[in-house]
Amino acid sequence: MYNVEWIYNTKALRHFCSNKELIQDFKDVTDGECVYMGNSTIVRVMSKEKILLKFTPAKLLFLSNVLYMSSLCRLLVSSILVHKVGLKIVVGDEKVVITHN
């Protein structure tokens, strides 16, 4: 299991990753896409990939079209995109539970 700090975001329209080890097949992006960050900086997207999140050996979640930027400090999961693929999210005491609807 990877040591990853997570941010569950209810307003983000994309998933973001800063841990290259989570990316299945890393390929550099050359389309010049950038993201305007909340601290008024602009960061170049280095890759758009699928990542595999391992919660336990039996509980895995694939996130598609994740934007990789090495300058981020955490993995950001978009609740909008998680709901869009039919998963339910319950936020509890210091944890987020993702299940099938």
Protein backbone atom coordinates (compact mmCIF):
# COMPACT_ATOMS: atom_id res chain seq x y z
CA MET A 1 0.00 0.00 0.00
CA TYR A 2 1.18 3.50 -0.79
CA ASN A 3 1.49 6.29 1.73
CA VAL A 4 -0.80 8.89 0.18
CA GLU A 5 -2.52 11.89 1.68
CA TRP A 6 -6.01 12.26 0.26
CA ILE A 7 -8.27 15.19 -0.32
CA TYR A 8 -11.90 14.49 -1.09
CA ASN A 9 -13.21 17.51 -2.98
CA THR A 10 -16.89 18.20 -3.59
CA LYS A 11 -16.27 20.98 -6.14
CA ALA A 12 -13.35 19.68 -8.22
CA LEU A 13 -14.19 18.69 -11.78
CA ARG A 14 -11.10 16.47 -12.18
CA HIS A 15 -9.04 13.98 -10.18
CA PHE A 16 -5.44 15.03 -9.45
CA CYS A 17 -2.42 12.93 -8.51
CA SER A 18 1.05 13.79 -7.28
CA ASN A 19 2.34 10.24 -6.73
CA LYS A 20 3.86 8.77 -9.90
CA GLU A 21 3.88 5.29 -8.29
CA LEU A 22 0.07 5.17 -8.49
CA ILE A 23 0.01 5.62 -12.28
CA GLN A 24 -0.42 2.43 -14.29
CA ASP A 25 1.42 3.37 -17.52
CA PHE A 26 3.02 6.79 -17.29
CA LYS A 27 3.22 8.73 -20.55
CA ASP A 28 4.23 12.38 -20.77
CA VAL A 29 1.57 14.78 -22.07
CA THR A 30 2.62 17.28 -24.69
CA ASP A 31 -0.67 19.12 -25.26
CA GLY A 32 0.33 22.00 -22.95
CA GLU A 33 -2.68 21.70 -20.64
CA CYS A 34 -2.29 23.70 -17.45
CA VAL A 35 -4.33 24.05 -14.27
CA TYR A 36 -4.93 27.31 -12.45
CA MET A 37 -4.41 26.60 -8.75
CA GLY A 38 -6.12 28.14 -5.75
CA ASN A 39 -2.91 29.94 -4.75
CA SER A 40 -2.91 31.80 -8.11
CA THR A 41 -0.15 29.68 -9.68
CA ILE A 42 -0.41 27.85 -12.98
CA VAL A 43 0.84 24.25 -13.07
CA ARG A 44 1.49 22.19 -16.21
CA VAL A 45 -0.22 18.80 -16.45
CA MET A 46 2.53 16.21 -16.91
CA SER A 47 0.32 13.19 -17.64
CA LYS A 48 -3.34 12.12 -17.89
CA GLU A 49 -3.61 8.53 -16.79
CA LYS A 50 -5.55 5.84 -15.02
CA ILE A 51 -4.55 5.15 -11.44
CA LEU A 52 -5.30 2.23 -9.18
CA LEU A 53 -6.14 2.96 -5.57
CA LYS A 54 -5.55 0.01 -3.24
CA PHE A 55 -7.56 0.26 -0.04
CA THR A 56 -7.17 -3.41 0.94
CA PRO A 57 -6.10 -6.42 -1.16
CA ALA A 58 -9.76 -7.00 -2.07
CA LYS A 59 -10.84 -3.36 -2.43
CA LEU A 60 -9.49 -1.54 -5.46
CA LEU A 61 -10.70 1.54 -7.29
CA PHE A 62 -9.57 2.71 -10.73
CA LEU A 63 -9.78 6.43 -11.47
CA SER A 64 -9.57 7.39 -15.14
CA ASN A 65 -8.20 10.52 -16.80
CA VAL A 66 -6.36 11.62 -13.65
CA LEU A 67 -4.17 14.69 -14.08
CA TYR A 68 -0.61 14.14 -12.79
CA MET A 69 1.30 17.15 -11.52
CA SER A 70 4.45 16.50 -9.49
CA SER A 71 4.19 19.80 -7.61
CA LEU A 72 1.01 18.79 -5.76
CA CYS A 73 1.25 17.51 -2.20
CA ARG A 74 -1.75 15.18 -2.21
CA LEU A 75 -4.14 13.11 -4.27
CA LEU A 76 -7.41 14.89 -4.93
CA VAL A 77 -10.50 12.79 -5.63
CA SER A 78 -13.47 14.56 -7.23
CA SER A 79 -16.77 13.58 -5.65
CA ILE A 80 -18.56 14.77 -8.79
CA LEU A 81 -16.71 12.21 -10.94
CA VAL A 82 -17.08 9.44 -8.35
CA HIS A 83 -20.86 9.99 -8.25
CA LYS A 84 -20.97 10.13 -12.06
CA VAL A 85 -19.76 6.50 -12.32
CA GLY A 86 -22.40 5.30 -9.86
CA LEU A 87 -20.50 5.16 -6.60
CA LYS A 88 -21.83 6.41 -3.28
CA ILE A 89 -19.67 8.43 -0.91
CA VAL A 90 -20.30 8.69 2.81
CA VAL A 91 -18.18 11.06 4.87
CA GLY A 92 -17.79 10.07 8.53
CA ASP A 93 -15.52 10.73 11.47
CA GLU A 94 -12.12 11.25 9.82
CA LYS A 95 -12.88 8.83 6.98
CA VAL A 96 -14.56 8.63 3.60
CA VAL A 97 -16.33 5.43 2.56
CA ILE A 98 -16.85 4.75 -1.16
CA THR A 99 -19.38 2.04 -2.08
CA HIS A 100 -21.51 0.93 -5.01
CA ASN A 101 -25.03 2.41 -5.15
